[in-house]
Structures are given as C-alpha cells and as structure tokens.
Amino acid sequence: MFISVDAVQAHATNLTNLRTLHLFVLALWGGVLASEGVLELLPLRRPELRPATVVFHYFIDLLVELPLLLGILLTGALLLHGRPFTGLVAAKVACGSIAVLANLACIVFVVKRRSASANLQAIWTRRIYASALVGVPAGVGALILGAWLARWIK
C-alpha cells in the first residue's frame, strides 16, 4: 500500500499548524509568567500593593494561566505522537514537565495564599518564589531543546 503525496503534505501541514499553535500558547504563557513576576516583585518595593497582588495573581492563575497550561500539555502530547522518543526528546519532555509541575505547584500556593491569614501569606509567597526558581530554568531548558529539535538552532 502506498501513501499519496497529498496525504504526506496534509500531515506536514497539520504538524506545522500544531507546532505553531504550541509555540503560540507557550508565548502567551511566557507573557503571563513575566507579568506575574512583575506582579509578585512589585510589593517588595511597595508593600501596600501586596493585597492587590494576592487577588490579581489568584484570578490570573485560575482564569488565564491554568487554561494555557492545559493547552501546552495537549499540544505537546499531540506533537509527541508518532515521534521517535530519543534522548533529546526525553530531556525536553523532562524539562517541560518540571516547568509545568512547578507552575501547577505555584497555582496551588497562590490559591492557598489567598485564603491564608496575613502572617501565613508570607510563607506562601516564599513558596511561590521557590516554584519560580525551579520552573523558570526548566522552562528555558525545554525551550532551548525544543528549538534544537526543530532545527532552529544549529
């Protein structure tokens, strides 16, 4: 049985569209993370902004970031389908998984911080910072490996 040229071209187009969608969702997530970083660091200079930060970060996580994470996981899983699972792919998946898990932990910390007393909010804030210290380097690693695998880096 032969595979038609049209079928191969359609598959390549679908794969390109899926990669584009994955990169688009990743870019949106990166923008959200950068905004949240500013949101979390600003109260270090202006402590009166801490209550607003707690509320804003909570709603951003639940309404924007969580759906983006689900989109990243879905498009990433679809991109893996039928692809050889080489060492580089495994490393990218590991880095991306660490970044996503750190971010999911951060979302849990943000939710818990919102309902915590003022004294306990500082503990949850430190955990939010710690999740960023784990997740951001892993995410950068996944981005570099993904670019390498896509042949954007030679």
N, C-alpha and C. Protein backbone atom coordinates (compact mmCIF):
# COMPACT_ATOMS: atom_id res chain seq x y z
N MET A 1 0.84 -1.18 0.00
CA MET A 1 0.00 0.00 0.00
C MET A 1 0.89 1.24 0.00
N PHE A 2 0.56 2.18 -0.85
CA PHE A 2 1.35 3.40 -0.97
C PHE A 2 0.65 4.57 -0.29
N ILE A 3 1.46 5.50 0.21
CA ILE A 3 0.94 6.73 0.81
C ILE A 3 1.02 7.81 -0.25
N SER A 4 -0.08 8.48 -0.45
CA SER A 4 -0.10 9.50 -1.50
C SER A 4 0.69 10.73 -1.06
N VAL A 5 1.15 11.47 -2.05
CA VAL A 5 1.87 12.72 -1.80
C VAL A 5 0.95 13.70 -1.09
N ASP A 6 -0.32 13.70 -1.46
CA ASP A 6 -1.28 14.60 -0.81
C ASP A 6 -1.41 14.30 0.67
N ALA A 7 -1.41 13.02 1.02
CA ALA A 7 -1.53 12.64 2.44
C ALA A 7 -0.30 13.09 3.22
N VAL A 8 0.87 12.94 2.63
CA VAL A 8 2.11 13.38 3.28
C VAL A 8 2.10 14.89 3.45
N GLN A 9 1.67 15.62 2.43
CA GLN A 9 1.62 17.08 2.52
C GLN A 9 0.59 17.54 3.56
N ALA A 10 -0.54 16.86 3.62
CA ALA A 10 -1.56 17.20 4.61
C ALA A 10 -1.04 16.96 6.02
N HIS A 11 -0.32 15.85 6.22
CA HIS A 11 0.25 15.56 7.54
C HIS A 11 1.28 16.62 7.92
N ALA A 12 2.12 17.00 6.95
CA ALA A 12 3.14 18.03 7.22
C ALA A 12 2.49 19.36 7.56
N THR A 13 1.41 19.70 6.88
CA THR A 13 0.69 20.95 7.17
C THR A 13 0.07 20.90 8.55
N ASN A 14 -0.55 19.78 8.90
CA ASN A 14 -1.14 19.64 10.23
C ASN A 14 -0.08 19.73 11.32
N LEU A 15 1.08 19.10 11.08
CA LEU A 15 2.16 19.16 12.06
C LEU A 15 2.68 20.58 12.21
N THR A 16 2.82 21.30 11.11
CA THR A 16 3.27 22.69 11.16
C THR A 16 2.27 23.55 11.92
N ASN A 17 0.98 23.34 11.65
CA ASN A 17 -0.06 24.10 12.36
C ASN A 17 -0.04 23.79 13.85
N LEU A 18 0.17 22.53 14.20
CA LEU A 18 0.22 22.14 15.60
C LEU A 18 1.44 22.75 16.30
N ARG A 19 2.57 22.73 15.62
CA ARG A 19 3.78 23.37 16.18
C ARG A 19 3.54 24.86 16.40
N THR A 20 2.91 25.51 15.42
CA THR A 20 2.62 26.94 15.53
C THR A 20 1.69 27.20 16.71
N LEU A 21 0.66 26.38 16.86
CA LEU A 21 -0.26 26.53 17.98
C LEU A 21 0.47 26.33 19.31
N HIS A 22 1.33 25.31 19.38
CA HIS A 22 2.09 25.03 20.59
C HIS A 22 2.97 26.24 20.95
N LEU A 23 3.66 26.78 19.95
CA LEU A 23 4.53 27.94 20.19
C LEU A 23 3.71 29.17 20.60
N PHE A 24 2.54 29.34 20.00
CA PHE A 24 1.67 30.47 20.34
C PHE A 24 1.24 30.38 21.81
N VAL A 25 0.80 29.19 22.22
CA VAL A 25 0.35 29.01 23.60
C VAL A 25 1.54 29.18 24.56
N LEU A 26 2.71 28.68 24.17
CA LEU A 26 3.91 28.87 25.00
C LEU A 26 4.25 30.36 25.14
N ALA A 27 4.14 31.09 24.05
CA ALA A 27 4.43 32.53 24.09
C ALA A 27 3.45 33.26 25.00
N LEU A 28 2.18 32.90 24.91
CA LEU A 28 1.19 33.50 25.81
C LEU A 28 1.53 33.19 27.26
N TRP A 29 1.88 31.94 27.53
CA TRP A 29 2.24 31.53 28.89
C TRP A 29 3.45 32.32 29.38
N GLY A 30 4.45 32.47 28.51
CA GLY A 30 5.63 33.25 28.88
C GLY A 30 5.29 34.68 29.23
N GLY A 31 4.37 35.28 28.48
CA GLY A 31 3.93 36.64 28.79
C GLY A 31 3.21 36.72 30.12
N VAL A 32 2.39 35.71 30.40
CA VAL A 32 1.69 35.67 31.69
C VAL A 32 2.70 35.52 32.82
N LEU A 33 3.69 34.64 32.64
CA LEU A 33 4.71 34.45 33.69
C LEU A 33 5.51 35.72 33.94
N ALA A 34 5.85 36.42 32.87
CA ALA A 34 6.59 37.68 33.04
C ALA A 34 5.75 38.70 33.80
N SER A 35 4.48 38.77 33.44
CA SER A 35 3.58 39.71 34.14
C SER A 35 3.43 39.34 35.61
N GLU A 36 3.30 38.05 35.88
CA GLU A 36 3.19 37.61 37.27
C GLU A 36 4.47 37.88 38.05
N GLY A 37 5.60 37.77 37.37
CA GLY A 37 6.86 38.11 38.04
C GLY A 37 6.89 39.55 38.48
N VAL A 38 6.46 40.44 37.60
CA VAL A 38 6.37 41.86 37.96
C VAL A 38 5.38 42.04 39.10
N LEU A 39 4.24 41.39 38.99
CA LEU A 39 3.19 41.49 40.00
C LEU A 39 3.70 41.04 41.37
N GLU A 40 4.48 39.98 41.41
CA GLU A 40 4.99 39.45 42.68
C GLU A 40 6.15 40.27 43.25
N LEU A 41 6.96 40.85 42.38
CA LEU A 41 8.13 41.59 42.86
C LEU A 41 7.82 43.03 43.25
N LEU A 42 6.80 43.61 42.66
CA LEU A 42 6.47 45.00 42.95
C LEU A 42 6.20 45.26 44.44
N PRO A 43 5.49 44.38 45.15
CA PRO A 43 5.25 44.64 46.58
C PRO A 43 6.52 44.63 47.44
N LEU A 44 7.64 44.15 46.91
CA LEU A 44 8.89 44.25 47.67
C LEU A 44 9.30 45.71 47.82
N ARG A 45 8.95 46.53 46.85
CA ARG A 45 9.23 47.98 46.91
C ARG A 45 8.06 48.77 47.46
N ARG A 46 6.85 48.25 47.21
CA ARG A 46 5.64 48.96 47.64
C ARG A 46 4.74 47.97 48.38
N PRO A 47 4.99 47.74 49.67
CA PRO A 47 4.24 46.74 50.42
C PRO A 47 2.72 46.93 50.43
N GLU A 48 2.27 48.15 50.23
CA GLU A 48 0.82 48.39 50.22
C GLU A 48 0.13 47.72 49.03
N LEU A 49 0.92 47.27 48.05
CA LEU A 49 0.36 46.59 46.88
C LEU A 49 0.18 45.08 47.10
N ARG A 50 0.67 44.55 48.22
CA ARG A 50 0.58 43.11 48.47
C ARG A 50 -0.85 42.59 48.42
N PRO A 51 -1.84 43.23 49.06
CA PRO A 51 -3.21 42.68 48.99
C PRO A 51 -3.74 42.60 47.55
N ALA A 52 -3.45 43.58 46.75
CA ALA A 52 -3.90 43.55 45.35
C ALA A 52 -3.18 42.44 44.58
N THR A 53 -1.90 42.26 44.86
CA THR A 53 -1.13 41.21 44.21
C THR A 53 -1.74 39.84 44.49
N VAL A 54 -2.11 39.61 45.74
CA VAL A 54 -2.69 38.33 46.14
C VAL A 54 -3.96 38.05 45.32
N VAL A 55 -4.81 39.03 45.19
CA VAL A 55 -6.08 38.85 44.47
C VAL A 55 -5.84 38.73 42.96
N PHE A 56 -5.03 39.63 42.39
CA PHE A 56 -4.80 39.61 40.95
C PHE A 56 -4.13 38.31 40.51
N HIS A 57 -3.11 37.87 41.25
CA HIS A 57 -2.40 36.65 40.88
C HIS A 57 -3.35 35.45 40.93
N TYR A 58 -4.21 35.43 41.92
CA TYR A 58 -5.19 34.34 42.07
C TYR A 58 -6.06 34.24 40.81
N PHE A 59 -6.63 35.34 40.38
CA PHE A 59 -7.53 35.30 39.22
C PHE A 59 -6.78 35.07 37.91
N ILE A 60 -5.58 35.60 37.78
CA ILE A 60 -4.78 35.34 36.59
C ILE A 60 -4.47 33.85 36.49
N ASP A 61 -4.09 33.24 37.61
CA ASP A 61 -3.77 31.81 37.58
C ASP A 61 -4.97 30.96 37.18
N LEU A 62 -6.11 31.22 37.78
CA LEU A 62 -7.27 30.37 37.52
C LEU A 62 -7.91 30.62 36.16
N LEU A 63 -7.95 31.86 35.73
CA LEU A 63 -8.69 32.19 34.51
C LEU A 63 -7.82 32.23 33.25
N VAL A 64 -6.53 32.45 33.40
CA VAL A 64 -5.66 32.59 32.24
C VAL A 64 -4.59 31.49 32.21
N GLU A 65 -3.84 31.38 33.29
CA GLU A 65 -2.67 30.50 33.27
C GLU A 65 -3.03 29.02 33.24
N LEU A 66 -3.99 28.60 34.03
CA LEU A 66 -4.36 27.19 34.05
C LEU A 66 -4.86 26.71 32.68
N PRO A 67 -5.74 27.45 31.99
CA PRO A 67 -6.11 27.02 30.63
C PRO A 67 -4.91 26.98 29.67
N LEU A 68 -3.99 27.93 29.80
CA LEU A 68 -2.80 27.90 28.95
C LEU A 68 -1.96 26.66 29.22
N LEU A 69 -1.79 26.30 30.48
CA LEU A 69 -1.04 25.09 30.82
C LEU A 69 -1.68 23.85 30.21
N LEU A 70 -2.99 23.78 30.27
CA LEU A 70 -3.70 22.65 29.66
C LEU A 70 -3.48 22.62 28.15
N GLY A 71 -3.49 23.78 27.52
CA GLY A 71 -3.22 23.86 26.09
C GLY A 71 -1.81 23.42 25.75
N ILE A 72 -0.85 23.80 26.58
CA ILE A 72 0.54 23.39 26.36
C ILE A 72 0.67 21.87 26.48
N LEU A 73 0.06 21.31 27.51
CA LEU A 73 0.13 19.86 27.70
C LEU A 73 -0.53 19.12 26.54
N LEU A 74 -1.67 19.60 26.08
CA LEU A 74 -2.38 18.95 24.98
C LEU A 74 -1.59 19.02 23.68
N THR A 75 -1.15 20.22 23.31
CA THR A 75 -0.42 20.35 22.05
C THR A 75 0.93 19.63 22.11
N GLY A 76 1.57 19.67 23.28
CA GLY A 76 2.84 18.96 23.44
C GLY A 76 2.67 17.46 23.30
N ALA A 77 1.61 16.91 23.91
CA ALA A 77 1.35 15.48 23.79
C ALA A 77 1.04 15.09 22.35
N LEU A 78 0.27 15.92 21.65
CA LEU A 78 -0.04 15.64 20.24
C LEU A 78 1.21 15.69 19.38
N LEU A 79 2.12 16.60 19.68
CA LEU A 79 3.37 16.67 18.92
C LEU A 79 4.25 15.45 19.14
N LEU A 80 4.15 14.85 20.31
CA LEU A 80 4.95 13.65 20.60
C LEU A 80 4.42 12.41 19.88
N HIS A 81 3.15 12.42 19.55
CA HIS A 81 2.52 11.25 18.94
C HIS A 81 3.23 10.86 17.64
N GLY A 82 3.73 9.65 17.59
CA GLY A 82 4.38 9.14 16.38
C GLY A 82 5.81 9.60 16.20
N ARG A 83 6.35 10.34 17.14
CA ARG A 83 7.72 10.82 17.03
C ARG A 83 8.66 9.86 17.77
N PRO A 84 9.83 9.57 17.22
CA PRO A 84 10.78 8.72 17.94
C PRO A 84 11.17 9.38 19.28
N PHE A 85 11.18 8.61 20.32
CA PHE A 85 11.47 9.14 21.66
C PHE A 85 12.96 9.00 21.93
N THR A 86 13.72 9.96 21.39
CA THR A 86 15.17 9.95 21.54
C THR A 86 15.56 10.54 22.89
N GLY A 87 16.84 10.54 23.17
CA GLY A 87 17.34 11.13 24.41
C GLY A 87 17.05 12.63 24.50
N LEU A 88 17.21 13.33 23.37
CA LEU A 88 16.93 14.77 23.37
C LEU A 88 15.44 15.05 23.59
N VAL A 89 14.60 14.24 22.98
CA VAL A 89 13.16 14.41 23.19
C VAL A 89 12.81 14.14 24.65
N ALA A 90 13.42 13.09 25.22
CA ALA A 90 13.17 12.77 26.63
C ALA A 90 13.63 13.91 27.54
N ALA A 91 14.77 14.51 27.22
CA ALA A 91 15.28 15.64 28.02
C ALA A 91 14.34 16.84 27.91
N LYS A 92 13.82 17.10 26.70
CA LYS A 92 12.89 18.21 26.52
C LYS A 92 11.60 17.96 27.29
N VAL A 93 11.10 16.74 27.20
CA VAL A 93 9.87 16.40 27.92
C VAL A 93 10.10 16.51 29.43
N ALA A 94 11.27 16.08 29.90
CA ALA A 94 11.57 16.18 31.34
C ALA A 94 11.63 17.64 31.77
N CYS A 95 12.34 18.47 31.02
CA CYS A 95 12.43 19.90 31.37
C CYS A 95 11.06 20.56 31.33
N GLY A 96 10.30 20.29 30.28
CA GLY A 96 8.97 20.87 30.16
C GLY A 96 8.05 20.39 31.28
N SER A 97 8.16 19.13 31.64
CA SER A 97 7.33 18.58 32.73
C SER A 97 7.66 19.23 34.06
N ILE A 98 8.94 19.44 34.31
CA ILE A 98 9.35 20.11 35.55
C ILE A 98 8.78 21.53 35.58
N ALA A 99 8.88 22.23 34.46
CA ALA A 99 8.35 23.60 34.39
C ALA A 99 6.84 23.63 34.64
N VAL A 100 6.12 22.71 34.02
CA VAL A 100 4.66 22.67 34.19
C VAL A 100 4.30 22.27 35.62
N LEU A 101 4.99 21.27 36.16
CA LEU A 101 4.70 20.84 37.54
C LEU A 101 5.02 21.95 38.55
N ALA A 102 6.12 22.65 38.33
CA ALA A 102 6.45 23.78 39.22
C ALA A 102 5.37 24.84 39.13
N ASN A 103 4.86 25.07 37.93
CA ASN A 103 3.82 26.07 37.76
C ASN A 103 2.50 25.62 38.37
N LEU A 104 2.18 24.34 38.26
CA LEU A 104 0.97 23.83 38.91
C LEU A 104 1.09 23.95 40.43
N ALA A 105 2.29 23.67 40.96
CA ALA A 105 2.52 23.86 42.40
C ALA A 105 2.34 25.32 42.77
N CYS A 106 2.84 26.21 41.93
CA CYS A 106 2.69 27.64 42.17
C CYS A 106 1.22 28.04 42.22
N ILE A 107 0.43 27.49 41.33
CA ILE A 107 -1.00 27.79 41.33
C ILE A 107 -1.63 27.35 42.65
N VAL A 108 -1.24 26.18 43.13
CA VAL A 108 -1.74 25.71 44.44
C VAL A 108 -1.33 26.69 45.54
N PHE A 109 -0.09 27.14 45.51
CA PHE A 109 0.40 28.09 46.52
C PHE A 109 -0.37 29.41 46.45
N VAL A 110 -0.64 29.88 45.24
CA VAL A 110 -1.37 31.13 45.06
C VAL A 110 -2.79 31.00 45.62
N VAL A 111 -3.43 29.88 45.36
CA VAL A 111 -4.79 29.65 45.87
C VAL A 111 -4.78 29.59 47.39
N LYS A 112 -3.81 28.88 47.96
CA LYS A 112 -3.73 28.77 49.42
C LYS A 112 -3.39 30.12 50.06
N ARG A 113 -2.54 30.89 49.40
CA ARG A 113 -2.16 32.20 49.94
C ARG A 113 -3.38 33.11 50.03
N ARG A 114 -4.27 33.04 49.05
CA ARG A 114 -5.42 33.95 49.04
C ARG A 114 -6.32 33.74 50.26
N SER A 115 -6.42 32.51 50.75
CA SER A 115 -7.29 32.25 51.90
C SER A 115 -6.53 32.22 53.23
N ALA A 116 -5.22 32.47 53.19
CA ALA A 116 -4.40 32.42 54.41
C ALA A 116 -4.46 33.75 55.16
N SER A 117 -4.13 33.68 56.42
CA SER A 117 -4.03 34.90 57.23
C SER A 117 -2.82 35.72 56.75
N ALA A 118 -2.77 36.96 57.15
CA ALA A 118 -1.67 37.84 56.73
C ALA A 118 -0.31 37.27 57.13
N ASN A 119 -0.23 36.65 58.31
CA ASN A 119 1.04 36.07 58.77
C ASN A 119 1.47 34.90 57.89
N LEU A 120 0.52 34.08 57.47
CA LEU A 120 0.85 32.91 56.66
C LEU A 120 1.05 33.24 55.18
N GLN A 121 0.54 34.38 54.75
CA GLN A 121 0.72 34.75 53.35
C GLN A 121 2.19 34.88 52.97
N ALA A 122 3.01 35.31 53.90
CA ALA A 122 4.45 35.44 53.61
C ALA A 122 5.08 34.07 53.32
N ILE A 123 4.62 33.04 54.03
CA ILE A 123 5.14 31.69 53.79
C ILE A 123 4.77 31.22 52.39
N TRP A 124 3.50 31.43 52.02
CA TRP A 124 3.05 31.02 50.68
C TRP A 124 3.75 31.84 49.60
N THR A 125 4.02 33.10 49.86
CA THR A 125 4.74 33.93 48.89
C THR A 125 6.15 33.39 48.66
N ARG A 126 6.82 32.98 49.72
CA ARG A 126 8.16 32.38 49.56
C ARG A 126 8.10 31.10 48.74
N ARG A 127 7.06 30.32 48.92
CA ARG A 127 6.89 29.09 48.14
C ARG A 127 6.63 29.43 46.67
N ILE A 128 5.90 30.49 46.43
CA ILE A 128 5.68 30.94 45.05
C ILE A 128 7.01 31.31 44.41
N TYR A 129 7.84 32.05 45.12
CA TYR A 129 9.17 32.40 44.61
C TYR A 129 10.00 31.14 44.35
N ALA A 130 9.94 30.18 45.26
CA ALA A 130 10.71 28.94 45.11
C ALA A 130 10.26 28.16 43.87
N SER A 131 8.94 28.15 43.62
CA SER A 131 8.46 27.43 42.44
C SER A 131 8.98 28.09 41.16
N ALA A 132 9.12 29.41 41.17
CA ALA A 132 9.67 30.10 40.01
C ALA A 132 11.15 29.75 39.83
N LEU A 133 11.87 29.62 40.93
CA LEU A 133 13.30 29.28 40.85
C LEU A 133 13.52 27.88 40.28
N VAL A 134 12.54 27.02 40.42
CA VAL A 134 12.61 25.67 39.84
C VAL A 134 12.08 25.69 38.41
N GLY A 135 10.93 26.30 38.22
CA GLY A 135 10.24 26.23 36.94
C GLY A 135 10.86 27.02 35.81
N VAL A 136 11.36 28.20 36.09
CA VAL A 136 11.89 29.05 35.02
C VAL A 136 13.12 28.42 34.35
N PRO A 137 14.14 27.97 35.09
CA PRO A 137 15.27 27.34 34.40
C PRO A 137 14.87 26.08 33.62
N ALA A 138 13.94 25.30 34.18
CA ALA A 138 13.48 24.11 33.46
C ALA A 138 12.76 24.50 32.18
N GLY A 139 11.94 25.54 32.24
CA GLY A 139 11.24 26.01 31.06
C GLY A 139 12.19 26.54 30.00
N VAL A 140 13.22 27.25 30.42
CA VAL A 140 14.22 27.74 29.47
C VAL A 140 14.94 26.56 28.82
N GLY A 141 15.25 25.55 29.62
CA GLY A 141 15.88 24.34 29.08
C GLY A 141 14.99 23.66 28.05
N ALA A 142 13.70 23.56 28.34
CA ALA A 142 12.75 22.95 27.39
C ALA A 142 12.67 23.77 26.11
N LEU A 143 12.68 25.09 26.26
CA LEU A 143 12.62 25.96 25.08
C LEU A 143 13.86 25.78 24.20
N ILE A 144 15.03 25.74 24.80
CA ILE A 144 16.27 25.56 24.04
C ILE A 144 16.28 24.20 23.36
N LEU A 145 15.90 23.15 24.09
CA LEU A 145 15.89 21.81 23.49
C LEU A 145 14.84 21.71 22.39
N GLY A 146 13.69 22.35 22.58
CA GLY A 146 12.67 22.35 21.55
C GLY A 146 13.14 23.05 20.29
N ALA A 147 13.83 24.17 20.46
CA ALA A 147 14.38 24.88 19.30
C ALA A 147 15.44 24.03 18.60
N TRP A 148 16.24 23.34 19.37
CA TRP A 148 17.27 22.46 18.81
C TRP A 148 16.60 21.34 18.00
N LEU A 149 15.59 20.72 18.60
CA LEU A 149 14.90 19.61 17.93
C LEU A 149 14.17 20.08 16.67
N ALA A 150 13.68 21.31 16.67
CA ALA A 150 13.01 21.86 15.50
C ALA A 150 14.00 22.36 14.44
N ARG A 151 15.29 22.24 14.76
CA ARG A 151 16.37 22.66 13.86
C ARG A 151 16.46 24.17 13.69
N TRP A 152 15.97 24.90 14.71
CA TRP A 152 16.10 26.36 14.68
C TRP A 152 17.45 26.78 15.22
N ILE A 153 18.07 25.90 15.99
CA ILE A 153 19.43 26.14 16.49
C ILE A 153 20.31 25.08 15.84
N LYS A 154 21.38 25.50 15.23
CA LYS A 154 22.27 24.54 14.55
C LYS A 154 23.39 24.11 15.45
